[in-house]
Amino acid sequence: MSCTNIARYTDIANYLVINCDTLSHAVMRFCDCGLIERESRHGIRIIDVNVAENAISSRIAPVGNV
């Protein structure tokens, strides 16, 4: 799955309430572990959608457990 013309890091970082450096490091880690590839400055490709979904869902607390 490819995504192009994604929002700027600044906009994504503001939405997530993190700084741009943190977002940049997270994207680099995702690239290093093979979850995504950067296709261009404004585009990424998700290598394995199932692995990405599992990585995301394993870090989100179930509703009601705070």
N, C-alpha and C. Protein backbone atom coordinates (compact mmCIF):
# COMPACT_ATOMS: atom_id res chain seq x y z
N MET A 1 0.85 -1.16 0.00
CA MET A 1 0.00 0.00 0.00
C MET A 1 0.90 1.23 0.00
N SER A 2 0.64 2.15 -0.90
CA SER A 2 1.42 3.38 -0.99
C SER A 2 0.58 4.59 -0.61
N CYS A 3 1.23 5.54 0.03
CA CYS A 3 0.58 6.81 0.40
C CYS A 3 1.46 7.93 -0.13
N THR A 4 0.88 8.81 -0.93
CA THR A 4 1.63 9.95 -1.43
C THR A 4 0.92 11.23 -1.00
N ASN A 5 1.66 12.31 -1.06
CA ASN A 5 1.13 13.62 -0.65
C ASN A 5 0.59 13.59 0.77
N ILE A 6 1.32 12.91 1.65
CA ILE A 6 0.92 12.88 3.05
C ILE A 6 1.20 14.24 3.68
N ALA A 7 0.62 14.48 4.81
CA ALA A 7 0.78 15.76 5.49
C ALA A 7 2.24 15.98 5.89
N ARG A 8 2.60 17.21 6.11
CA ARG A 8 3.94 17.54 6.56
C ARG A 8 4.19 16.97 7.95
N TYR A 9 5.46 16.68 8.26
CA TYR A 9 5.81 16.17 9.59
C TYR A 9 5.30 17.11 10.68
N THR A 10 5.39 18.40 10.43
CA THR A 10 4.92 19.37 11.43
C THR A 10 3.44 19.17 11.73
N ASP A 11 2.64 19.00 10.70
CA ASP A 11 1.20 18.81 10.90
C ASP A 11 0.90 17.49 11.61
N ILE A 12 1.59 16.42 11.20
CA ILE A 12 1.38 15.12 11.84
C ILE A 12 1.82 15.17 13.30
N ALA A 13 2.99 15.78 13.56
CA ALA A 13 3.50 15.88 14.93
C ALA A 13 2.55 16.70 15.80
N ASN A 14 2.04 17.78 15.28
CA ASN A 14 1.07 18.59 16.04
C ASN A 14 -0.18 17.79 16.35
N TYR A 15 -0.67 17.03 15.39
CA TYR A 15 -1.87 16.21 15.59
C TYR A 15 -1.63 15.17 16.69
N LEU A 16 -0.43 14.58 16.71
CA LEU A 16 -0.09 13.55 17.68
C LEU A 16 0.43 14.12 19.01
N VAL A 17 0.59 15.43 19.07
CA VAL A 17 1.12 16.14 20.23
C VAL A 17 2.51 15.61 20.61
N ILE A 18 3.36 15.53 19.60
CA ILE A 18 4.77 15.18 19.78
C ILE A 18 5.58 16.16 18.95
N ASN A 19 6.89 16.19 19.17
CA ASN A 19 7.69 17.10 18.35
C ASN A 19 8.16 16.41 17.07
N CYS A 20 8.60 17.19 16.12
CA CYS A 20 8.99 16.67 14.80
C CYS A 20 10.15 15.70 14.89
N ASP A 21 11.09 15.94 15.81
CA ASP A 21 12.22 15.02 15.96
C ASP A 21 11.75 13.64 16.39
N THR A 22 10.82 13.58 17.32
CA THR A 22 10.28 12.30 17.77
C THR A 22 9.61 11.57 16.62
N LEU A 23 8.83 12.28 15.84
CA LEU A 23 8.16 11.68 14.69
C LEU A 23 9.18 11.18 13.67
N SER A 24 10.20 11.97 13.41
CA SER A 24 11.23 11.59 12.46
C SER A 24 11.95 10.31 12.91
N HIS A 25 12.27 10.23 14.19
CA HIS A 25 12.93 9.04 14.72
C HIS A 25 12.02 7.81 14.62
N ALA A 26 10.74 7.99 14.87
CA ALA A 26 9.79 6.88 14.77
C ALA A 26 9.71 6.39 13.33
N VAL A 27 9.66 7.30 12.38
CA VAL A 27 9.59 6.92 10.97
C VAL A 27 10.87 6.18 10.58
N MET A 28 12.02 6.65 11.05
CA MET A 28 13.28 5.96 10.75
C MET A 28 13.28 4.55 11.33
N ARG A 29 12.75 4.39 12.55
CA ARG A 29 12.68 3.04 13.15
C ARG A 29 11.75 2.15 12.35
N PHE A 30 10.62 2.69 11.89
CA PHE A 30 9.71 1.90 11.06
C PHE A 30 10.40 1.46 9.77
N CYS A 31 11.21 2.35 9.18
CA CYS A 31 11.96 1.99 7.97
C CYS A 31 13.01 0.93 8.28
N ASP A 32 13.73 1.10 9.38
CA ASP A 32 14.79 0.17 9.75
C ASP A 32 14.27 -1.24 10.02
N CYS A 33 13.06 -1.34 10.58
CA CYS A 33 12.53 -2.67 10.89
C CYS A 33 11.68 -3.23 9.75
N GLY A 34 11.60 -2.51 8.65
CA GLY A 34 10.94 -3.04 7.46
C GLY A 34 9.43 -2.87 7.41
N LEU A 35 8.87 -2.02 8.27
CA LEU A 35 7.42 -1.78 8.21
C LEU A 35 7.04 -0.88 7.05
N ILE A 36 7.88 0.12 6.78
CA ILE A 36 7.59 1.07 5.70
C ILE A 36 8.85 1.34 4.89
N GLU A 37 8.66 1.89 3.70
CA GLU A 37 9.74 2.41 2.87
C GLU A 37 9.37 3.82 2.47
N ARG A 38 10.35 4.69 2.45
CA ARG A 38 10.10 6.04 1.95
C ARG A 38 10.26 6.01 0.45
N GLU A 39 9.21 6.36 -0.28
CA GLU A 39 9.27 6.38 -1.75
C GLU A 39 9.75 7.72 -2.26
N SER A 40 9.44 8.76 -1.53
CA SER A 40 9.84 10.11 -1.91
C SER A 40 9.76 10.97 -0.66
N ARG A 41 9.99 12.24 -0.84
CA ARG A 41 9.91 13.14 0.31
C ARG A 41 8.51 13.17 0.91
N HIS A 42 7.51 13.00 0.07
CA HIS A 42 6.12 13.08 0.54
C HIS A 42 5.37 11.78 0.30
N GLY A 43 6.07 10.68 0.32
CA GLY A 43 5.39 9.41 0.07
C GLY A 43 6.04 8.26 0.82
N ILE A 44 5.23 7.34 1.29
CA ILE A 44 5.72 6.14 1.95
C ILE A 44 4.99 4.93 1.38
N ARG A 45 5.59 3.77 1.58
CA ARG A 45 4.94 2.53 1.18
C ARG A 45 4.94 1.62 2.38
N ILE A 46 3.76 1.13 2.75
CA ILE A 46 3.66 0.18 3.85
C ILE A 46 3.99 -1.19 3.28
N ILE A 47 5.03 -1.82 3.80
CA ILE A 47 5.53 -3.08 3.27
C ILE A 47 4.55 -4.21 3.55
N ASP A 48 4.16 -4.36 4.80
CA ASP A 48 3.25 -5.44 5.20
C ASP A 48 2.17 -4.85 6.09
N VAL A 49 0.99 -4.67 5.53
CA VAL A 49 -0.11 -4.03 6.25
C VAL A 49 -0.46 -4.81 7.52
N ASN A 50 -0.46 -6.13 7.46
CA ASN A 50 -0.80 -6.94 8.63
C ASN A 50 0.18 -6.73 9.77
N VAL A 51 1.47 -6.69 9.46
CA VAL A 51 2.48 -6.45 10.49
C VAL A 51 2.32 -5.05 11.07
N ALA A 52 2.06 -4.07 10.24
CA ALA A 52 1.87 -2.70 10.71
C ALA A 52 0.64 -2.61 11.62
N GLU A 53 -0.45 -3.25 11.23
CA GLU A 53 -1.66 -3.23 12.06
C GLU A 53 -1.41 -3.91 13.40
N ASN A 54 -0.71 -5.03 13.40
CA ASN A 54 -0.40 -5.73 14.65
C ASN A 54 0.50 -4.89 15.55
N ALA A 55 1.48 -4.19 14.96
CA ALA A 55 2.37 -3.34 15.74
C ALA A 55 1.60 -2.20 16.39
N ILE A 56 0.67 -1.64 15.66
CA ILE A 56 -0.14 -0.54 16.19
C ILE A 56 -1.09 -1.04 17.27
N SER A 57 -1.81 -2.12 16.99
CA SER A 57 -2.81 -2.60 17.95
C SER A 57 -2.17 -3.13 19.23
N SER A 58 -0.94 -3.61 19.18
CA SER A 58 -0.29 -4.11 20.39
C SER A 58 0.14 -2.98 21.31
N ARG A 59 0.17 -1.74 20.80
CA ARG A 59 0.57 -0.60 21.62
C ARG A 59 -0.59 0.26 22.08
N ILE A 60 -1.80 -0.12 21.70
CA ILE A 60 -2.97 0.66 22.10
C ILE A 60 -3.69 -0.09 23.21
N ALA A 61 -3.90 0.60 24.33
CA ALA A 61 -4.58 -0.03 25.47
C ALA A 61 -6.05 -0.24 25.12
N PRO A 62 -6.61 -1.37 25.53
CA PRO A 62 -8.04 -1.60 25.31
C PRO A 62 -8.87 -0.53 26.00
N VAL A 63 -10.03 -0.25 25.46
CA VAL A 63 -10.94 0.74 26.04
C VAL A 63 -11.29 0.30 27.46
N GLY A 64 -11.22 1.24 28.40
CA GLY A 64 -11.57 0.95 29.78
C GLY A 64 -10.36 0.68 30.65
N ASN A 65 -9.20 0.39 30.07
CA ASN A 65 -7.99 0.17 30.84
C ASN A 65 -7.10 1.39 30.71
N VAL A 66 -7.14 2.26 31.69
CA VAL A 66 -6.35 3.48 31.63
C VAL A 66 -5.24 3.43 32.63
